[in-house]
Amino acid sequence: MSTVITFMEGTWGRLLRIVLGLVLIYIGLVTMHASAAGIIVAIIGLVPLVMGIWGPCLLGFIFKKK
């Protein structure tokens, strides 16, 4: 698990999280026509987007990376 967290906190991992967040927001708002489920998907997409911009990986907080 430590290797995954280290990768996700690196440059490529941050970029991956940002892209994933943008894709989820796009799917929720555009392809799901901003339905109730689409808005939920878009809100879920905010988590990887914000965490990718901010830097630390959410898994690092959950598993208490040292």
PDB file of N, CA and C in Angstrom:
ATOM      1  N   MET A   1       0.824  -1.190   0.000  1.00  0.00           N
ATOM      2  CA  MET A   1       0.000   0.000   0.000  1.00  0.00           C
ATOM      3  C   MET A   1       0.868   1.253   0.000  1.00  0.00           C
ATOM      4  N   SER A   2       2.016   1.168   0.624  1.00  0.00           N
ATOM      5  CA  SER A   2       2.910   2.320   0.708  1.00  0.00           C
ATOM      6  C   SER A   2       3.372   2.779  -0.675  1.00  0.00           C
ATOM      7  N   THR A   3       3.595   1.827  -1.585  1.00  0.00           N
ATOM      8  CA  THR A   3       4.023   2.169  -2.932  1.00  0.00           C
ATOM      9  C   THR A   3       2.937   2.926  -3.673  1.00  0.00           C
ATOM     10  N   VAL A   4       1.698   2.518  -3.509  1.00  0.00           N
ATOM     11  CA  VAL A   4       0.574   3.199  -4.159  1.00  0.00           C
ATOM     12  C   VAL A   4       0.444   4.628  -3.641  1.00  0.00           C
ATOM     13  N   ILE A   5       0.551   4.788  -2.347  1.00  0.00           N
ATOM     14  CA  ILE A   5       0.433   6.123  -1.749  1.00  0.00           C
ATOM     15  C   ILE A   5       1.573   7.012  -2.222  1.00  0.00           C
ATOM     16  N   THR A   6       2.781   6.470  -2.278  1.00  0.00           N
ATOM     17  CA  THR A   6       3.929   7.244  -2.748  1.00  0.00           C
ATOM     18  C   THR A   6       3.729   7.681  -4.191  1.00  0.00           C
ATOM     19  N   PHE A   7       3.243   6.777  -5.049  1.00  0.00           N
ATOM     20  CA  PHE A   7       2.968   7.130  -6.450  1.00  0.00           C
ATOM     21  C   PHE A   7       1.892   8.200  -6.538  1.00  0.00           C
ATOM     22  N   MET A   8       0.808   8.034  -5.793  1.00  0.00           N
ATOM     23  CA  MET A   8      -0.309   8.971  -5.891  1.00  0.00           C
ATOM     24  C   MET A   8       0.045  10.363  -5.366  1.00  0.00           C
ATOM     25  N   GLU A   9       1.036  10.469  -4.496  1.00  0.00           N
ATOM     26  CA  GLU A   9       1.455  11.771  -4.006  1.00  0.00           C
ATOM     27  C   GLU A   9       2.509  12.403  -4.896  1.00  0.00           C
ATOM     28  N   GLY A  10       3.013  11.656  -5.877  1.00  0.00           N
ATOM     29  CA  GLY A  10       3.980  12.193  -6.831  1.00  0.00           C
ATOM     30  C   GLY A  10       3.281  12.991  -7.925  1.00  0.00           C
ATOM     31  N   THR A  11       4.070  13.503  -8.846  1.00  0.00           N
ATOM     32  CA  THR A  11       3.554  14.351  -9.925  1.00  0.00           C
ATOM     33  C   THR A  11       2.549  13.613 -10.795  1.00  0.00           C
ATOM     34  N   TRP A  12       2.883  12.399 -11.214  1.00  0.00           N
ATOM     35  CA  TRP A  12       1.982  11.644 -12.090  1.00  0.00           C
ATOM     36  C   TRP A  12       0.714  11.222 -11.355  1.00  0.00           C
ATOM     37  N   GLY A  13       0.829  10.902 -10.107  1.00  0.00           N
ATOM     38  CA  GLY A  13      -0.348  10.541  -9.321  1.00  0.00           C
ATOM     39  C   GLY A  13      -1.281  11.726  -9.135  1.00  0.00           C
ATOM     40  N   ARG A  14      -0.715  12.890  -8.879  1.00  0.00           N
ATOM     41  CA  ARG A  14      -1.536  14.099  -8.742  1.00  0.00           C
ATOM     42  C   ARG A  14      -2.244  14.405 -10.050  1.00  0.00           C
ATOM     43  N   LEU A  15      -1.510  14.288 -11.169  1.00  0.00           N
ATOM     44  CA  LEU A  15      -2.112  14.530 -12.474  1.00  0.00           C
ATOM     45  C   LEU A  15      -3.236  13.535 -12.746  1.00  0.00           C
ATOM     46  N   LEU A  16      -3.014  12.286 -12.389  1.00  0.00           N
ATOM     47  CA  LEU A  16      -4.032  11.247 -12.561  1.00  0.00           C
ATOM     48  C   LEU A  16      -5.289  11.567 -11.756  1.00  0.00           C
ATOM     49  N   ARG A  17      -5.115  12.022 -10.517  1.00  0.00           N
ATOM     50  CA  ARG A  17      -6.272  12.367  -9.679  1.00  0.00           C
ATOM     51  C   ARG A  17      -7.023  13.569 -10.237  1.00  0.00           C
ATOM     52  N   ILE A  18      -6.300  14.556 -10.749  1.00  0.00           N
ATOM     53  CA  ILE A  18      -6.958  15.730 -11.330  1.00  0.00           C
ATOM     54  C   ILE A  18      -7.767  15.330 -12.558  1.00  0.00           C
ATOM     55  N   VAL A  19      -7.164  14.531 -13.431  1.00  0.00           N
ATOM     56  CA  VAL A  19      -7.875  14.083 -14.635  1.00  0.00           C
ATOM     57  C   VAL A  19      -9.088  13.235 -14.267  1.00  0.00           C
ATOM     58  N   LEU A  20      -8.928  12.331 -13.303  1.00  0.00           N
ATOM     59  CA  LEU A  20     -10.049  11.498 -12.860  1.00  0.00           C
ATOM     60  C   LEU A  20     -11.185  12.362 -12.322  1.00  0.00           C
ATOM     61  N   GLY A  21     -10.855  13.361 -11.526  1.00  0.00           N
ATOM     62  CA  GLY A  21     -11.879  14.261 -10.997  1.00  0.00           C
ATOM     63  C   GLY A  21     -12.610  15.003 -12.102  1.00  0.00           C
ATOM     64  N   LEU A  22     -11.864  15.515 -13.079  1.00  0.00           N
ATOM     65  CA  LEU A  22     -12.493  16.229 -14.193  1.00  0.00           C
ATOM     66  C   LEU A  22     -13.376  15.308 -15.026  1.00  0.00           C
ATOM     67  N   VAL A  23     -12.930  14.073 -15.230  1.00  0.00           N
ATOM     68  CA  VAL A  23     -13.731  13.104 -15.992  1.00  0.00           C
ATOM     69  C   VAL A  23     -15.031  12.794 -15.253  1.00  0.00           C
ATOM     70  N   LEU A  24     -14.957  12.582 -13.946  1.00  0.00           N
ATOM     71  CA  LEU A  24     -16.173  12.299 -13.177  1.00  0.00           C
ATOM     72  C   LEU A  24     -17.139  13.488 -13.201  1.00  0.00           C
ATOM     73  N   ILE A  25     -16.618  14.692 -13.110  1.00  0.00           N
ATOM     74  CA  ILE A  25     -17.478  15.875 -13.181  1.00  0.00           C
ATOM     75  C   ILE A  25     -18.127  15.977 -14.558  1.00  0.00           C
ATOM     76  N   TYR A  26     -17.353  15.728 -15.605  1.00  0.00           N
ATOM     77  CA  TYR A  26     -17.896  15.766 -16.961  1.00  0.00           C
ATOM     78  C   TYR A  26     -18.986  14.711 -17.142  1.00  0.00           C
ATOM     79  N   ILE A  27     -18.716  13.498 -16.695  1.00  0.00           N
ATOM     80  CA  ILE A  27     -19.706  12.424 -16.828  1.00  0.00           C
ATOM     81  C   ILE A  27     -20.982  12.788 -16.076  1.00  0.00           C
ATOM     82  N   GLY A  28     -20.824  13.300 -14.862  1.00  0.00           N
ATOM     83  CA  GLY A  28     -21.996  13.630 -14.060  1.00  0.00           C
ATOM     84  C   GLY A  28     -22.832  14.763 -14.629  1.00  0.00           C
ATOM     85  N   LEU A  29     -22.166  15.792 -15.132  1.00  0.00           N
ATOM     86  CA  LEU A  29     -22.918  16.965 -15.575  1.00  0.00           C
ATOM     87  C   LEU A  29     -23.325  16.918 -17.048  1.00  0.00           C
ATOM     88  N   VAL A  30     -22.488  16.319 -17.886  1.00  0.00           N
ATOM     89  CA  VAL A  30     -22.764  16.351 -19.320  1.00  0.00           C
ATOM     90  C   VAL A  30     -23.425  15.066 -19.810  1.00  0.00           C
ATOM     91  N   THR A  31     -22.795  13.933 -19.563  1.00  0.00           N
ATOM     92  CA  THR A  31     -23.345  12.704 -20.133  1.00  0.00           C
ATOM     93  C   THR A  31     -24.555  12.194 -19.364  1.00  0.00           C
ATOM     94  N   MET A  32     -24.638  12.530 -18.067  1.00  0.00           N
ATOM     95  CA  MET A  32     -25.808  12.118 -17.291  1.00  0.00           C
ATOM     96  C   MET A  32     -26.839  13.252 -17.207  1.00  0.00           C
ATOM     97  N   HIS A  33     -26.614  14.307 -17.964  1.00  0.00           N
ATOM     98  CA  HIS A  33     -27.532  15.445 -18.095  1.00  0.00           C
ATOM     99  C   HIS A  33     -27.900  16.087 -16.763  1.00  0.00           C
ATOM    100  N   ALA A  34     -26.942  16.134 -15.879  1.00  0.00           N
ATOM    101  CA  ALA A  34     -27.111  16.789 -14.572  1.00  0.00           C
ATOM    102  C   ALA A  34     -28.350  16.288 -13.830  1.00  0.00           C
ATOM    103  N   SER A  35     -28.631  14.998 -13.958  1.00  0.00           N
ATOM    104  CA  SER A  35     -29.715  14.394 -13.180  1.00  0.00           C
ATOM    105  C   SER A  35     -29.261  14.305 -11.731  1.00  0.00           C
ATOM    106  N   ALA A  36     -30.111  13.799 -10.871  1.00  0.00           N
ATOM    107  CA  ALA A  36     -29.744  13.681  -9.459  1.00  0.00           C
ATOM    108  C   ALA A  36     -28.514  12.782  -9.298  1.00  0.00           C
ATOM    109  N   ALA A  37     -28.491  11.665 -10.002  1.00  0.00           N
ATOM    110  CA  ALA A  37     -27.335  10.771  -9.937  1.00  0.00           C
ATOM    111  C   ALA A  37     -26.106  11.431 -10.551  1.00  0.00           C
ATOM    112  N   GLY A  38     -26.301  12.202 -11.608  1.00  0.00           N
ATOM    113  CA  GLY A  38     -25.194  12.903 -12.249  1.00  0.00           C
ATOM    114  C   GLY A  38     -24.571  13.942 -11.343  1.00  0.00           C
ATOM    115  N   ILE A  39     -25.382  14.632 -10.579  1.00  0.00           N
ATOM    116  CA  ILE A  39     -24.860  15.626  -9.641  1.00  0.00           C
ATOM    117  C   ILE A  39     -24.071  14.939  -8.533  1.00  0.00           C
ATOM    118  N   ILE A  40     -24.539  13.777  -8.092  1.00  0.00           N
ATOM    119  CA  ILE A  40     -23.806  13.023  -7.071  1.00  0.00           C
ATOM    120  C   ILE A  40     -22.447  12.585  -7.616  1.00  0.00           C
ATOM    121  N   VAL A  41     -22.424  12.104  -8.867  1.00  0.00           N
ATOM    122  CA  VAL A  41     -21.157  11.705  -9.495  1.00  0.00           C
ATOM    123  C   VAL A  41     -20.225  12.906  -9.611  1.00  0.00           C
ATOM    124  N   ALA A  42     -20.762  14.067  -9.980  1.00  0.00           N
ATOM    125  CA  ALA A  42     -19.944  15.278 -10.101  1.00  0.00           C
ATOM    126  C   ALA A  42     -19.386  15.701  -8.742  1.00  0.00           C
ATOM    127  N   ILE A  43     -20.180  15.598  -7.703  1.00  0.00           N
ATOM    128  CA  ILE A  43     -19.706  15.947  -6.363  1.00  0.00           C
ATOM    129  C   ILE A  43     -18.611  14.976  -5.921  1.00  0.00           C
ATOM    130  N   ILE A  44     -18.787  13.694  -6.220  1.00  0.00           N
ATOM    131  CA  ILE A  44     -17.746  12.706  -5.914  1.00  0.00           C
ATOM    132  C   ILE A  44     -16.467  13.041  -6.686  1.00  0.00           C
ATOM    133  N   GLY A  45     -16.621  13.548  -7.908  1.00  0.00           N
ATOM    134  CA  GLY A  45     -15.466  13.942  -8.721  1.00  0.00           C
ATOM    135  C   GLY A  45     -14.682  15.109  -8.138  1.00  0.00           C
ATOM    136  N   LEU A  46     -15.323  15.893  -7.283  1.00  0.00           N
ATOM    137  CA  LEU A  46     -14.613  17.002  -6.649  1.00  0.00           C
ATOM    138  C   LEU A  46     -13.529  16.518  -5.690  1.00  0.00           C
ATOM    139  N   VAL A  47     -13.735  15.360  -5.089  1.00  0.00           N
ATOM    140  CA  VAL A  47     -12.769  14.848  -4.103  1.00  0.00           C
ATOM    141  C   VAL A  47     -11.399  14.600  -4.741  1.00  0.00           C
ATOM    142  N   PRO A  48     -11.283  13.781  -5.802  1.00  0.00           N
ATOM    143  CA  PRO A  48      -9.947  13.587  -6.379  1.00  0.00           C
ATOM    144  C   PRO A  48      -9.402  14.862  -7.021  1.00  0.00           C
ATOM    145  N   LEU A  49     -10.285  15.713  -7.544  1.00  0.00           N
ATOM    146  CA  LEU A  49      -9.828  16.962  -8.140  1.00  0.00           C
ATOM    147  C   LEU A  49      -9.177  17.857  -7.088  1.00  0.00           C
ATOM    148  N   VAL A  50      -9.861  18.076  -5.991  1.00  0.00           N
ATOM    149  CA  VAL A  50      -9.329  18.940  -4.934  1.00  0.00           C
ATOM    150  C   VAL A  50      -8.086  18.327  -4.302  1.00  0.00           C
ATOM    151  N   MET A  51      -8.115  17.033  -4.040  1.00  0.00           N
ATOM    152  CA  MET A  51      -6.961  16.383  -3.421  1.00  0.00           C
ATOM    153  C   MET A  51      -5.764  16.359  -4.377  1.00  0.00           C
ATOM    154  N   GLY A  52      -6.033  16.263  -5.683  1.00  0.00           N
ATOM    155  CA  GLY A  52      -4.939  16.316  -6.656  1.00  0.00           C
ATOM    156  C   GLY A  52      -4.320  17.691  -6.739  1.00  0.00           C
ATOM    157  N   ILE A  53      -5.139  18.719  -6.649  1.00  0.00           N
ATOM    158  CA  ILE A  53      -4.622  20.085  -6.660  1.00  0.00           C
ATOM    159  C   ILE A  53      -3.883  20.387  -5.363  1.00  0.00           C
ATOM    160  N   TRP A  54      -4.444  19.942  -4.252  1.00  0.00           N
ATOM    161  CA  TRP A  54      -3.865  20.215  -2.943  1.00  0.00           C
ATOM    162  C   TRP A  54      -2.554  19.460  -2.755  1.00  0.00           C
ATOM    163  N   GLY A  55      -2.508  18.198  -3.157  1.00  0.00           N
ATOM    164  CA  GLY A  55      -1.268  17.447  -3.081  1.00  0.00           C
ATOM    165  C   GLY A  55      -1.350  16.121  -2.380  1.00  0.00           C
ATOM    166  N   PRO A  56      -1.657  16.082  -1.081  1.00  0.00           N
ATOM    167  CA  PRO A  56      -1.649  14.800  -0.375  1.00  0.00           C
ATOM    168  C   PRO A  56      -2.731  13.850  -0.899  1.00  0.00           C
ATOM    169  N   CYS A  57      -2.417  12.578  -0.838  1.00  0.00           N
ATOM    170  CA  CYS A  57      -3.374  11.565  -1.267  1.00  0.00           C
ATOM    171  C   CYS A  57      -4.301  11.228  -0.097  1.00  0.00           C
ATOM    172  N   LEU A  58      -5.569  11.081  -0.373  1.00  0.00           N
ATOM    173  CA  LEU A  58      -6.542  10.759   0.656  1.00  0.00           C
ATOM    174  C   LEU A  58      -6.214   9.420   1.323  1.00  0.00           C
ATOM    175  N   LEU A  59      -5.662   8.491   0.566  1.00  0.00           N
ATOM    176  CA  LEU A  59      -5.271   7.198   1.143  1.00  0.00           C
ATOM    177  C   LEU A  59      -4.192   7.368   2.208  1.00  0.00           C
ATOM    178  N   GLY A  60      -3.345   8.374   2.032  1.00  0.00           N
ATOM    179  CA  GLY A  60      -2.315   8.639   3.024  1.00  0.00           C
ATOM    180  C   GLY A  60      -2.914   9.040   4.365  1.00  0.00           C
ATOM    181  N   PHE A  61      -4.014   9.802   4.323  1.00  0.00           N
ATOM    182  CA  PHE A  61      -4.691  10.179   5.553  1.00  0.00           C
ATOM    183  C   PHE A  61      -5.411   8.987   6.177  1.00  0.00           C
ATOM    184  N   ILE A  62      -6.017   8.163   5.340  1.00  0.00           N
ATOM    185  CA  ILE A  62      -6.787   7.021   5.836  1.00  0.00           C
ATOM    186  C   ILE A  62      -5.867   5.976   6.472  1.00  0.00           C
ATOM    187  N   PHE A  63      -4.756   5.670   5.806  1.00  0.00           N
ATOM    188  CA  PHE A  63      -3.857   4.628   6.301  1.00  0.00           C
ATOM    189  C   PHE A  63      -2.683   5.173   7.107  1.00  0.00           C
ATOM    190  N   LYS A  64      -2.714   6.449   7.446  1.00  0.00           N
ATOM    191  CA  LYS A  64      -1.710   7.082   8.309  1.00  0.00           C
ATOM    192  C   LYS A  64      -0.285   6.832   7.809  1.00  0.00           C
ATOM    193  N   LYS A  65      -0.016   7.271   6.571  1.00  0.00           N
ATOM    194  CA  LYS A  65       1.328   7.126   6.012  1.00  0.00           C
ATOM    195  C   LYS A  65       2.318   7.910   6.872  1.00  0.00           C
ATOM    196  N   LYS A  66       3.463   7.303   7.137  1.00  0.00           N
ATOM    197  CA  LYS A  66       4.477   7.951   7.975  1.00  0.00           C
ATOM    198  C   LYS A  66       5.576   8.540   7.145  1.00  0.00           C
TER     199      LYS A  66
END
